Amino acid sequence: MNLNFDISNISVTEFGVGRDDGHGRDFDRVTVDGNVQNALQEMAEATWAAMQAQTNNPPSYEPSEKHASIEYRHLPLNNNMAETMRNLHQANNLPPDSTALADTEKVFCYFARFNDSQNRKLTAVRRATQFKGVLKSRLLRWDTDALQLIEDRVFKLDNDFDLLIDAENIHILRPSGFEFVGQLQEAIMAAVSTNMTLLKEDITFVDFDVIENYASMHPRAARYLASIRSKNEALNIDRGCLQKLCADNGVKLTETNGKLLLEETQVMGFLEVLDRRRYEIKLVPDMPEHYRAASRSKIDTGS
C-alpha cells in the first residue's frame, strides 16, 4: 500500500494539540519554530518506515480484533469509524491558540499536518503520554561547571506517531493509540442502532431485539456488530446453515412465528458465529472439538 503523499518533499508543517475539557474535544494549532518542524517531519518519516518494515500490504483495521501494541493496519478514510480523524484531517485553517498548552491535563494528543510539493495533505497523530509526562519530571542541564534544575516548561516529542492520515486511508501503527484518539469506543457504541438496522435488512429471519438491547450496553458485543457490518459478513447467510453452525457450537436458538430467537446469555456466542469466531475441528473420530478465535484472518486455499 502506498502513501498518498510525498513524505520526502514536505513544504508546509503545522503543529497542534487535541484537548478534552470534560465537555468535548477540540483541536488547536500551536505555532512552532523551524527546529520543531524538522523534528516532526523526522517523526513522520520514522512512522512510515516502521510501517513499511512490517508489511507493504496491511490488513484492514477490525474493531473486534485484539491487536498487538504495534501492528500496521489501515482504515479507509470514508469509514464511519474514521469520523474524528477525518474531521481533523479535512479541517481548514485551524486557529492558532497560544494558551492551548496552559493546562496540560486536558491535552490527550498532539498532531502535525503537512503539505507536500503537490499540495497533498498528511496528518500525523500521537497520543500524548511522553509529551506531557516529562513536565512532572525533574530535568537537569549542564551549565558552565554545574548541573542546574530546569525551571522552564519542557515538552518531549516521541520518536514516531501512532497513525498517519492521507486523502484515502488512515495508516495505523498503534491500534490502541488510534482507538483512544479517534474515540472508537464511543463511535462504535453510538453506531449500534445503525448497525442493527442494516443487519436486520441482511438477515430477515432473526429477531434481533435481544441482541440490540445487549449490544447497546456491552462494548465487546458492539465491536462484533461493527466488525460484521464493516465486512458485510451478514450478506447471503443461509438460514439452515446458520442454525446448524449455532447448534454445532453450542449456541441455543428457538423459533417463534417463523423468527429465530435467542436469550441474552446466547448473544455473544451468536455474534461470534456471525463474526466467524467459533469453529469446529474433527481430528479424532467422533470427538469434535470447539474453539473460539481471539483473532482470525481468511485463508486463501487457492484453486
C-alpha atoms as a PDB file:
ATOM      1  CA  MET A   1       0.000   0.000   0.000  1.00  0.00           C
ATOM      2  CA  ASN A   2       1.348   3.401  -0.957  1.00  0.00           C
ATOM      3  CA  LEU A   3       1.130   6.642   0.956  1.00  0.00           C
ATOM      4  CA  ASN A   4      -0.818   9.273  -0.974  1.00  0.00           C
ATOM      5  CA  PHE A   5       1.805  11.845  -0.065  1.00  0.00           C
ATOM      6  CA  ASP A   6       5.456  12.568  -0.862  1.00  0.00           C
ATOM      7  CA  ILE A   7       6.965  12.361   2.582  1.00  0.00           C
ATOM      8  CA  SER A   8      10.410  13.325   1.288  1.00  0.00           C
ATOM      9  CA  ASN A   9       9.167  16.653  -0.138  1.00  0.00           C
ATOM     10  CA  ILE A  10       7.312  18.442   2.654  1.00  0.00           C
ATOM     11  CA  SER A  11       6.699  22.131   2.045  1.00  0.00           C
ATOM     12  CA  VAL A  12       4.486  23.135   4.995  1.00  0.00           C
ATOM     13  CA  THR A  13       4.383  21.828   8.580  1.00  0.00           C
ATOM     14  CA  GLU A  14       1.831  22.707  11.262  1.00  0.00           C
ATOM     15  CA  PHE A  15       1.694  21.512  14.860  1.00  0.00           C
ATOM     16  CA  GLY A  16      -1.270  21.262  17.207  1.00  0.00           C
ATOM     17  CA  VAL A  17      -2.778  19.539  20.206  1.00  0.00           C
ATOM     18  CA  GLY A  18      -6.098  17.875  20.978  1.00  0.00           C
ATOM     19  CA  ARG A  19      -7.731  18.925  24.241  1.00  0.00           C
ATOM     20  CA  ASP A  20     -10.571  17.447  26.278  1.00  0.00           C
ATOM     21  CA  ASP A  21     -12.133  19.679  28.934  1.00  0.00           C
ATOM     22  CA  GLY A  22     -14.663  17.071  30.015  1.00  0.00           C
ATOM     23  CA  HIS A  23     -17.408  18.566  27.871  1.00  0.00           C
ATOM     24  CA  GLY A  24     -15.972  17.745  24.452  1.00  0.00           C
ATOM     25  CA  ARG A  25     -12.808  17.577  22.420  1.00  0.00           C
ATOM     26  CA  ASP A  26     -11.253  20.174  20.164  1.00  0.00           C
ATOM     27  CA  PHE A  27      -8.060  20.555  18.141  1.00  0.00           C
ATOM     28  CA  ASP A  28      -5.942  23.699  18.232  1.00  0.00           C
ATOM     29  CA  ARG A  29      -2.881  24.809  16.302  1.00  0.00           C
ATOM     30  CA  VAL A  30       0.268  25.864  18.159  1.00  0.00           C
ATOM     31  CA  THR A  31       2.997  27.917  16.498  1.00  0.00           C
ATOM     32  CA  VAL A  32       6.411  26.173  16.412  1.00  0.00           C
ATOM     33  CA  ASP A  33       9.811  27.125  15.044  1.00  0.00           C
ATOM     34  CA  GLY A  34      11.801  25.517  12.244  1.00  0.00           C
ATOM     35  CA  ASN A  35      13.657  23.071  14.503  1.00  0.00           C
ATOM     36  CA  VAL A  36      10.398  21.633  15.834  1.00  0.00           C
ATOM     37  CA  GLN A  37       9.024  21.408  12.297  1.00  0.00           C
ATOM     38  CA  ASN A  38      12.105  19.414  11.248  1.00  0.00           C
ATOM     39  CA  ALA A  39      11.666  17.080  14.217  1.00  0.00           C
ATOM     40  CA  LEU A  40       8.014  16.490  13.310  1.00  0.00           C
ATOM     41  CA  GLN A  41       8.992  15.665   9.736  1.00  0.00           C
ATOM     42  CA  GLU A  42      11.554  13.158  11.000  1.00  0.00           C
ATOM     43  CA  MET A  43       8.879  11.567  13.198  1.00  0.00           C
ATOM     44  CA  ALA A  44       6.553  11.184  10.200  1.00  0.00           C
ATOM     45  CA  GLU A  45       9.343   9.598   8.149  1.00  0.00           C
ATOM     46  CA  ALA A  46      10.175   7.218  11.018  1.00  0.00           C
ATOM     47  CA  THR A  47       6.499   6.239  11.314  1.00  0.00           C
ATOM     48  CA  TRP A  48       6.196   5.390   7.629  1.00  0.00           C
ATOM     49  CA  ALA A  49       9.491   3.455   7.737  1.00  0.00           C
ATOM     50  CA  ALA A  50       8.225   1.426  10.717  1.00  0.00           C
ATOM     51  CA  MET A  51       5.032   0.603   8.834  1.00  0.00           C
ATOM     52  CA  GLN A  52       6.890  -0.472   5.731  1.00  0.00           C
ATOM     53  CA  ALA A  53       9.204  -2.630   7.824  1.00  0.00           C
ATOM     54  CA  GLN A  54       6.156  -4.600   8.954  1.00  0.00           C
ATOM     55  CA  THR A  55       4.321  -5.097   5.668  1.00  0.00           C
ATOM     56  CA  ASN A  56       3.560  -3.450   2.350  1.00  0.00           C
ATOM     57  CA  ASN A  57       0.044  -4.899   2.356  1.00  0.00           C
ATOM     58  CA  PRO A  58      -1.556  -4.053   5.720  1.00  0.00           C
ATOM     59  CA  PRO A  59      -4.846  -5.745   6.616  1.00  0.00           C
ATOM     60  CA  SER A  60      -7.895  -3.666   7.421  1.00  0.00           C
ATOM     61  CA  TYR A  61      -8.456  -2.422  10.938  1.00  0.00           C
ATOM     62  CA  GLU A  62     -11.124  -4.564  12.586  1.00  0.00           C
ATOM     63  CA  PRO A  63     -12.802  -3.359  15.791  1.00  0.00           C
ATOM     64  CA  SER A  64     -13.380  -6.888  17.102  1.00  0.00           C
ATOM     65  CA  GLU A  65      -9.711  -7.911  16.871  1.00  0.00           C
ATOM     66  CA  LYS A  66      -7.251  -7.926  19.768  1.00  0.00           C
ATOM     67  CA  HIS A  67      -4.391  -6.096  18.100  1.00  0.00           C
ATOM     68  CA  ALA A  68      -0.725  -6.120  19.022  1.00  0.00           C
ATOM     69  CA  SER A  69       0.753  -2.966  20.539  1.00  0.00           C
ATOM     70  CA  ILE A  70       2.482  -2.236  17.231  1.00  0.00           C
ATOM     71  CA  GLU A  71       0.669  -3.589  14.183  1.00  0.00           C
ATOM     72  CA  TYR A  72       0.308  -1.871  10.814  1.00  0.00           C
ATOM     73  CA  ARG A  73      -3.367  -1.722   9.847  1.00  0.00           C
ATOM     74  CA  HIS A  74      -5.347   0.581   7.577  1.00  0.00           C
ATOM     75  CA  LEU A  75      -8.855   2.024   7.607  1.00  0.00           C
ATOM     76  CA  PRO A  76     -10.470   3.810   4.640  1.00  0.00           C
ATOM     77  CA  LEU A  77     -10.954   7.465   5.466  1.00  0.00           C
ATOM     78  CA  ASN A  78     -14.642   7.311   4.462  1.00  0.00           C
ATOM     79  CA  ASN A  79     -15.386   4.591   7.052  1.00  0.00           C
ATOM     80  CA  ASN A  80     -17.771   5.704   9.807  1.00  0.00           C
ATOM     81  CA  MET A  81     -15.191   4.687  12.425  1.00  0.00           C
ATOM     82  CA  ALA A  82     -12.800   7.273  10.958  1.00  0.00           C
ATOM     83  CA  GLU A  83     -15.036  10.288  11.612  1.00  0.00           C
ATOM     84  CA  THR A  84     -12.972  12.006  14.314  1.00  0.00           C
ATOM     85  CA  MET A  85      -9.683  11.625  12.459  1.00  0.00           C
ATOM     86  CA  ARG A  86     -11.321  12.501   9.131  1.00  0.00           C
ATOM     87  CA  ASN A  87     -12.628  15.756  10.589  1.00  0.00           C
ATOM     88  CA  LEU A  88      -9.163  16.666  11.858  1.00  0.00           C
ATOM     89  CA  HIS A  89      -7.520  15.834   8.539  1.00  0.00           C
ATOM     90  CA  GLN A  90     -10.036  17.777   6.473  1.00  0.00           C
ATOM     91  CA  ALA A  91     -10.327  20.808   8.771  1.00  0.00           C
ATOM     92  CA  ASN A  92      -9.313  24.039   7.077  1.00  0.00           C
ATOM     93  CA  ASN A  93      -7.445  26.873   8.783  1.00  0.00           C
ATOM     94  CA  LEU A  94      -7.301  25.597  12.352  1.00  0.00           C
ATOM     95  CA  PRO A  95      -6.985  28.731  14.513  1.00  0.00           C
ATOM     96  CA  PRO A  96      -3.730  29.204  16.452  1.00  0.00           C
ATOM     97  CA  ASP A  97      -4.131  29.224  20.227  1.00  0.00           C
ATOM     98  CA  SER A  98      -1.244  30.427  22.379  1.00  0.00           C
ATOM     99  CA  THR A  99      -2.992  29.103  25.513  1.00  0.00           C
ATOM    100  CA  ALA A 100      -3.509  25.556  24.223  1.00  0.00           C
ATOM    101  CA  LEU A 101      -0.739  24.190  26.456  1.00  0.00           C
ATOM    102  CA  ALA A 102      -1.668  26.172  29.548  1.00  0.00           C
ATOM    103  CA  ASP A 103      -3.390  23.157  31.128  1.00  0.00           C
ATOM    104  CA  THR A 104      -1.586  20.015  30.015  1.00  0.00           C
ATOM    105  CA  GLU A 105      -4.002  17.735  31.861  1.00  0.00           C
ATOM    106  CA  LYS A 106      -6.529  18.490  29.129  1.00  0.00           C
ATOM    107  CA  VAL A 107      -4.157  17.504  26.302  1.00  0.00           C
ATOM    108  CA  PHE A 108      -4.915  13.986  25.031  1.00  0.00           C
ATOM    109  CA  CYS A 109      -2.901  14.039  21.790  1.00  0.00           C
ATOM    110  CA  TYR A 110      -0.658  16.107  19.595  1.00  0.00           C
ATOM    111  CA  PHE A 111      -0.574  16.181  15.827  1.00  0.00           C
ATOM    112  CA  ALA A 112       1.268  17.519  12.810  1.00  0.00           C
ATOM    113  CA  ARG A 113      -0.243  18.471   9.455  1.00  0.00           C
ATOM    114  CA  PHE A 114       1.962  18.511   6.391  1.00  0.00           C
ATOM    115  CA  ASN A 115       1.675  19.641   2.770  1.00  0.00           C
ATOM    116  CA  ASP A 116       3.937  18.216   0.072  1.00  0.00           C
ATOM    117  CA  SER A 117       5.186  19.836  -3.143  1.00  0.00           C
ATOM    118  CA  GLN A 118       1.928  18.832  -4.899  1.00  0.00           C
ATOM    119  CA  ASN A 119      -0.152  20.377  -2.089  1.00  0.00           C
ATOM    120  CA  ARG A 120      -1.341  16.991  -0.869  1.00  0.00           C
ATOM    121  CA  LYS A 121      -2.043  16.729   2.851  1.00  0.00           C
ATOM    122  CA  LEU A 122      -0.813  14.317   5.508  1.00  0.00           C
ATOM    123  CA  THR A 123      -1.896  14.367   9.142  1.00  0.00           C
ATOM    124  CA  ALA A 124       0.116  12.547  11.816  1.00  0.00           C
ATOM    125  CA  VAL A 125      -1.242  11.952  15.329  1.00  0.00           C
ATOM    126  CA  ARG A 126       0.247  10.704  18.601  1.00  0.00           C
ATOM    127  CA  ARG A 127      -1.408  10.029  21.937  1.00  0.00           C
ATOM    128  CA  ALA A 128       0.068  12.449  24.484  1.00  0.00           C
ATOM    129  CA  THR A 129       1.912  10.414  27.108  1.00  0.00           C
ATOM    130  CA  GLN A 130       5.629  11.275  26.980  1.00  0.00           C
ATOM    131  CA  PHE A 131       4.741  14.702  25.583  1.00  0.00           C
ATOM    132  CA  LYS A 132       3.214  15.959  28.833  1.00  0.00           C
ATOM    133  CA  GLY A 133       4.615  13.373  31.243  1.00  0.00           C
ATOM    134  CA  VAL A 134       8.036  14.996  31.180  1.00  0.00           C
ATOM    135  CA  LEU A 135       6.540  18.088  32.826  1.00  0.00           C
ATOM    136  CA  LYS A 136       6.325  16.139  36.073  1.00  0.00           C
ATOM    137  CA  SER A 137       9.975  15.047  35.906  1.00  0.00           C
ATOM    138  CA  ARG A 138      12.959  16.773  37.467  1.00  0.00           C
ATOM    139  CA  LEU A 139      15.141  17.687  34.498  1.00  0.00           C
ATOM    140  CA  LEU A 140      18.728  18.864  34.744  1.00  0.00           C
ATOM    141  CA  ARG A 141      21.067  20.616  32.344  1.00  0.00           C
ATOM    142  CA  TRP A 142      24.786  21.237  32.355  1.00  0.00           C
ATOM    143  CA  ASP A 143      25.502  24.954  32.595  1.00  0.00           C
ATOM    144  CA  THR A 144      29.152  26.103  32.798  1.00  0.00           C
ATOM    145  CA  ASP A 145      30.584  23.952  35.596  1.00  0.00           C
ATOM    146  CA  ALA A 146      27.447  22.799  37.435  1.00  0.00           C
ATOM    147  CA  LEU A 147      24.203  20.922  36.938  1.00  0.00           C
ATOM    148  CA  GLN A 148      21.118  23.088  37.231  1.00  0.00           C
ATOM    149  CA  LEU A 149      17.453  22.244  37.571  1.00  0.00           C
ATOM    150  CA  ILE A 150      15.394  23.242  34.526  1.00  0.00           C
ATOM    151  CA  GLU A 151      12.635  25.513  35.748  1.00  0.00           C
ATOM    152  CA  ASP A 152      11.076  26.162  32.323  1.00  0.00           C
ATOM    153  CA  ARG A 153       8.081  24.244  30.975  1.00  0.00           C
ATOM    154  CA  VAL A 154       9.504  21.416  28.843  1.00  0.00           C
ATOM    155  CA  PHE A 155       7.667  19.108  26.448  1.00  0.00           C
ATOM    156  CA  LYS A 156       9.016  15.933  24.875  1.00  0.00           C
ATOM    157  CA  LEU A 157       8.219  14.655  21.393  1.00  0.00           C
ATOM    158  CA  ASP A 158       8.120  10.925  20.711  1.00  0.00           C
ATOM    159  CA  ASN A 159      10.186   9.116  18.092  1.00  0.00           C
ATOM    160  CA  ASP A 160       7.202   8.453  15.835  1.00  0.00           C
ATOM    161  CA  PHE A 161       3.438   8.868  15.500  1.00  0.00           C
ATOM    162  CA  ASP A 162       0.626   6.408  16.210  1.00  0.00           C
ATOM    163  CA  LEU A 163      -1.017   6.953  12.817  1.00  0.00           C
ATOM    164  CA  LEU A 164      -0.780   8.793   9.517  1.00  0.00           C
ATOM    165  CA  ILE A 165      -3.768  10.073   7.528  1.00  0.00           C
ATOM    166  CA  ASP A 166      -3.701  10.748   3.793  1.00  0.00           C
ATOM    167  CA  ALA A 167      -6.533  11.512   1.369  1.00  0.00           C
ATOM    168  CA  GLU A 168      -7.634   7.866   1.194  1.00  0.00           C
ATOM    169  CA  ASN A 169      -6.703   5.959   4.348  1.00  0.00           C
ATOM    170  CA  ILE A 170      -5.745   6.071   7.979  1.00  0.00           C
ATOM    171  CA  HIS A 171      -2.456   4.196   8.269  1.00  0.00           C
ATOM    172  CA  ILE A 172      -2.348   2.824  11.821  1.00  0.00           C
ATOM    173  CA  LEU A 173       0.880   1.819  13.569  1.00  0.00           C
ATOM    174  CA  ARG A 174      -0.525   1.557  17.108  1.00  0.00           C
ATOM    175  CA  PRO A 175      -4.171   0.418  17.152  1.00  0.00           C
ATOM    176  CA  SER A 176      -4.647   1.326  20.824  1.00  0.00           C
ATOM    177  CA  GLY A 177      -3.474   4.883  20.116  1.00  0.00           C
ATOM    178  CA  PHE A 178      -5.864   5.140  17.200  1.00  0.00           C
ATOM    179  CA  GLU A 179      -8.774   3.832  19.289  1.00  0.00           C
ATOM    180  CA  PHE A 180      -8.079   6.300  22.098  1.00  0.00           C
ATOM    181  CA  VAL A 181      -7.510   9.397  19.987  1.00  0.00           C
ATOM    182  CA  GLY A 182     -10.243   8.521  17.489  1.00  0.00           C
ATOM    183  CA  GLN A 183     -12.790   7.830  20.254  1.00  0.00           C
ATOM    184  CA  LEU A 184     -13.531   4.433  18.734  1.00  0.00           C
ATOM    185  CA  GLN A 185     -15.333   3.101  21.786  1.00  0.00           C
ATOM    186  CA  GLU A 186     -17.811   5.982  21.714  1.00  0.00           C
ATOM    187  CA  ALA A 187     -18.239   5.779  17.937  1.00  0.00           C
ATOM    188  CA  ILE A 188     -18.859   2.033  17.999  1.00  0.00           C
ATOM    189  CA  MET A 189     -21.407   2.292  20.801  1.00  0.00           C
ATOM    190  CA  ALA A 190     -23.169   5.146  19.008  1.00  0.00           C
ATOM    191  CA  ALA A 191     -23.337   3.048  15.831  1.00  0.00           C
ATOM    192  CA  VAL A 192     -25.161   0.088  17.420  1.00  0.00           C
ATOM    193  CA  SER A 193     -28.582   1.242  16.255  1.00  0.00           C
ATOM    194  CA  THR A 194     -27.412   1.862  12.677  1.00  0.00           C
ATOM    195  CA  ASN A 195     -25.534  -1.433  12.519  1.00  0.00           C
ATOM    196  CA  MET A 196     -28.566  -3.289  13.815  1.00  0.00           C
ATOM    197  CA  THR A 197     -30.847  -1.687  11.215  1.00  0.00           C
ATOM    198  CA  LEU A 198     -28.545  -2.835   8.428  1.00  0.00           C
ATOM    199  CA  LEU A 199     -28.147  -6.293   9.959  1.00  0.00           C
ATOM    200  CA  LYS A 200     -31.916  -6.742  10.115  1.00  0.00           C
ATOM    201  CA  GLU A 201     -32.105  -5.976   6.403  1.00  0.00           C
ATOM    202  CA  ASP A 202     -29.491  -8.646   5.649  1.00  0.00           C
ATOM    203  CA  ILE A 203     -30.874 -11.360   7.932  1.00  0.00           C
ATOM    204  CA  THR A 204     -34.648 -11.094   7.969  1.00  0.00           C
ATOM    205  CA  PHE A 205     -35.345 -14.411   9.723  1.00  0.00           C
ATOM    206  CA  VAL A 206     -33.747 -13.486  13.071  1.00  0.00           C
ATOM    207  CA  ASP A 207     -35.372 -11.436  15.848  1.00  0.00           C
ATOM    208  CA  PHE A 208     -32.604  -9.021  16.861  1.00  0.00           C
ATOM    209  CA  ASP A 209     -34.336  -7.183  19.716  1.00  0.00           C
ATOM    210  CA  VAL A 210     -32.441  -9.009  22.471  1.00  0.00           C
ATOM    211  CA  ILE A 211     -29.158  -8.551  20.593  1.00  0.00           C
ATOM    212  CA  GLU A 212     -29.708  -4.822  20.122  1.00  0.00           C
ATOM    213  CA  ASN A 213     -30.514  -4.258  23.787  1.00  0.00           C
ATOM    214  CA  TYR A 214     -27.457  -6.248  24.855  1.00  0.00           C
ATOM    215  CA  ALA A 215     -25.054  -4.580  22.415  1.00  0.00           C
ATOM    216  CA  SER A 216     -26.193  -1.101  23.444  1.00  0.00           C
ATOM    217  CA  MET A 217     -24.766  -1.780  26.921  1.00  0.00           C
ATOM    218  CA  HIS A 218     -21.799  -4.077  26.167  1.00  0.00           C
ATOM    219  CA  PRO A 219     -18.825  -2.699  24.168  1.00  0.00           C
ATOM    220  CA  ARG A 220     -17.488  -6.101  23.092  1.00  0.00           C
ATOM    221  CA  ALA A 221     -20.839  -7.026  21.534  1.00  0.00           C
ATOM    222  CA  ALA A 222     -20.967  -3.599  19.867  1.00  0.00           C
ATOM    223  CA  ARG A 223     -17.485  -4.222  18.441  1.00  0.00           C
ATOM    224  CA  TYR A 224     -18.606  -7.549  16.977  1.00  0.00           C
ATOM    225  CA  LEU A 225     -21.557  -5.812  15.351  1.00  0.00           C
ATOM    226  CA  ALA A 226     -19.271  -3.162  13.849  1.00  0.00           C
ATOM    227  CA  SER A 227     -16.939  -5.860  12.555  1.00  0.00           C
ATOM    228  CA  ILE A 228     -19.773  -7.890  10.988  1.00  0.00           C
ATOM    229  CA  ARG A 229     -21.155  -4.792   9.276  1.00  0.00           C
ATOM    230  CA  SER A 230     -17.769  -3.440   8.116  1.00  0.00           C
ATOM    231  CA  LYS A 231     -17.044  -6.660   6.213  1.00  0.00           C
ATOM    232  CA  ASN A 232     -20.639  -7.307   5.083  1.00  0.00           C
ATOM    233  CA  GLU A 233     -20.455 -10.726   6.700  1.00  0.00           C
ATOM    234  CA  ALA A 234     -24.216 -10.941   7.142  1.00  0.00           C
ATOM    235  CA  LEU A 235     -24.934 -10.981   3.410  1.00  0.00           C
ATOM    236  CA  ASN A 236     -26.371 -14.132   1.816  1.00  0.00           C
ATOM    237  CA  ILE A 237     -26.411 -16.151   5.046  1.00  0.00           C
ATOM    238  CA  ASP A 238     -28.459 -19.320   4.693  1.00  0.00           C
ATOM    239  CA  ARG A 239     -30.951 -19.986   7.473  1.00  0.00           C
ATOM    240  CA  GLY A 240     -30.298 -23.715   7.650  1.00  0.00           C
ATOM    241  CA  CYS A 241     -26.517 -23.272   7.636  1.00  0.00           C
ATOM    242  CA  LEU A 242     -26.753 -20.691  10.416  1.00  0.00           C
ATOM    243  CA  GLN A 243     -28.941 -22.946  12.567  1.00  0.00           C
ATOM    244  CA  LYS A 244     -26.582 -25.893  12.110  1.00  0.00           C
ATOM    245  CA  LEU A 245     -23.469 -23.845  12.885  1.00  0.00           C
ATOM    246  CA  CYS A 246     -25.093 -22.458  16.027  1.00  0.00           C
ATOM    247  CA  ALA A 247     -26.164 -25.946  17.140  1.00  0.00           C
ATOM    248  CA  ASP A 248     -22.693 -27.372  16.447  1.00  0.00           C
ATOM    249  CA  ASN A 249     -21.092 -24.597  18.532  1.00  0.00           C
ATOM    250  CA  GLY A 250     -23.420 -24.620  21.495  1.00  0.00           C
ATOM    251  CA  VAL A 251     -25.466 -21.524  20.667  1.00  0.00           C
ATOM    252  CA  LYS A 252     -29.127 -22.199  21.506  1.00  0.00           C
ATOM    253  CA  LEU A 253     -31.809 -20.814  19.201  1.00  0.00           C
ATOM    254  CA  THR A 254     -35.576 -21.110  19.408  1.00  0.00           C
ATOM    255  CA  GLU A 255     -38.203 -20.350  16.773  1.00  0.00           C
ATOM    256  CA  THR A 256     -41.404 -18.325  17.149  1.00  0.00           C
ATOM    257  CA  ASN A 257     -43.672 -17.195  14.319  1.00  0.00           C
ATOM    258  CA  GLY A 258     -41.013 -18.024  11.759  1.00  0.00           C
ATOM    259  CA  LYS A 259     -38.290 -15.982  13.513  1.00  0.00           C
ATOM    260  CA  LEU A 260     -35.178 -17.334  15.211  1.00  0.00           C
ATOM    261  CA  LEU A 261     -34.795 -16.043  18.787  1.00  0.00           C
ATOM    262  CA  LEU A 262     -32.137 -16.355  21.460  1.00  0.00           C
ATOM    263  CA  GLU A 263     -31.781 -15.497  25.132  1.00  0.00           C
ATOM    264  CA  GLU A 264     -29.434 -12.813  26.399  1.00  0.00           C
ATOM    265  CA  THR A 265     -26.926 -15.427  27.596  1.00  0.00           C
ATOM    266  CA  GLN A 266     -26.526 -16.609  23.998  1.00  0.00           C
ATOM    267  CA  VAL A 267     -25.902 -13.196  22.375  1.00  0.00           C
ATOM    268  CA  MET A 268     -22.093 -13.229  22.458  1.00  0.00           C
ATOM    269  CA  GLY A 269     -21.964 -16.758  21.109  1.00  0.00           C
ATOM    270  CA  PHE A 270     -24.332 -15.870  18.285  1.00  0.00           C
ATOM    271  CA  LEU A 271     -22.291 -12.782  17.348  1.00  0.00           C
ATOM    272  CA  GLU A 272     -19.111 -14.882  17.440  1.00  0.00           C
ATOM    273  CA  VAL A 273     -20.726 -17.255  14.944  1.00  0.00           C
ATOM    274  CA  LEU A 274     -21.654 -14.358  12.630  1.00  0.00           C
ATOM    275  CA  ASP A 275     -18.164 -12.881  13.009  1.00  0.00           C
ATOM    276  CA  ARG A 276     -16.603 -16.256  12.121  1.00  0.00           C
ATOM    277  CA  ARG A 277     -15.050 -16.733  15.551  1.00  0.00           C
ATOM    278  CA  ARG A 278     -16.493 -20.106  16.573  1.00  0.00           C
ATOM    279  CA  TYR A 279     -15.336 -23.167  14.761  1.00  0.00           C
ATOM    280  CA  GLU A 280     -15.165 -26.943  14.999  1.00  0.00           C
ATOM    281  CA  ILE A 281     -12.223 -29.265  14.360  1.00  0.00           C
ATOM    282  CA  LYS A 282     -12.532 -33.013  13.800  1.00  0.00           C
ATOM    283  CA  LEU A 283      -9.167 -34.731  14.046  1.00  0.00           C
ATOM    284  CA  VAL A 284     -10.251 -37.583  16.307  1.00  0.00           C
ATOM    285  CA  PRO A 285     -13.171 -39.754  15.150  1.00  0.00           C
ATOM    286  CA  ASP A 286     -16.410 -38.993  16.995  1.00  0.00           C
ATOM    287  CA  MET A 287     -14.688 -36.327  19.107  1.00  0.00           C
ATOM    288  CA  PRO A 288     -15.366 -32.880  17.606  1.00  0.00           C
ATOM    289  CA  GLU A 289     -13.505 -30.008  19.281  1.00  0.00           C
ATOM    290  CA  HIS A 290     -14.924 -26.494  19.517  1.00  0.00           C
ATOM    291  CA  TYR A 291     -12.862 -23.332  19.757  1.00  0.00           C
ATOM    292  CA  ARG A 292     -13.260 -19.570  19.926  1.00  0.00           C
ATOM    293  CA  ALA A 293     -10.877 -17.498  17.781  1.00  0.00           C
ATOM    294  CA  ALA A 294      -9.442 -14.434  19.510  1.00  0.00           C
ATOM    295  CA  SER A 295      -8.108 -13.284  16.158  1.00  0.00           C
ATOM    296  CA  ARG A 296      -8.626 -14.608  12.673  1.00  0.00           C
ATOM    297  CA  SER A 297      -7.884 -13.948   9.029  1.00  0.00           C
ATOM    298  CA  LYS A 298      -9.269 -15.674   5.981  1.00  0.00           C
ATOM    299  CA  ILE A 299      -7.051 -18.309   4.372  1.00  0.00           C
ATOM    300  CA  ASP A 300      -6.699 -18.403   0.614  1.00  0.00           C
ATOM    301  CA  THR A 301      -6.603 -22.106  -0.219  1.00  0.00           C
ATOM    302  CA  GLY A 302      -6.116 -21.455  -3.935  1.00  0.00           C
ATOM    303  CA  SER A 303      -7.845 -23.336  -6.731  1.00  0.00           C
END
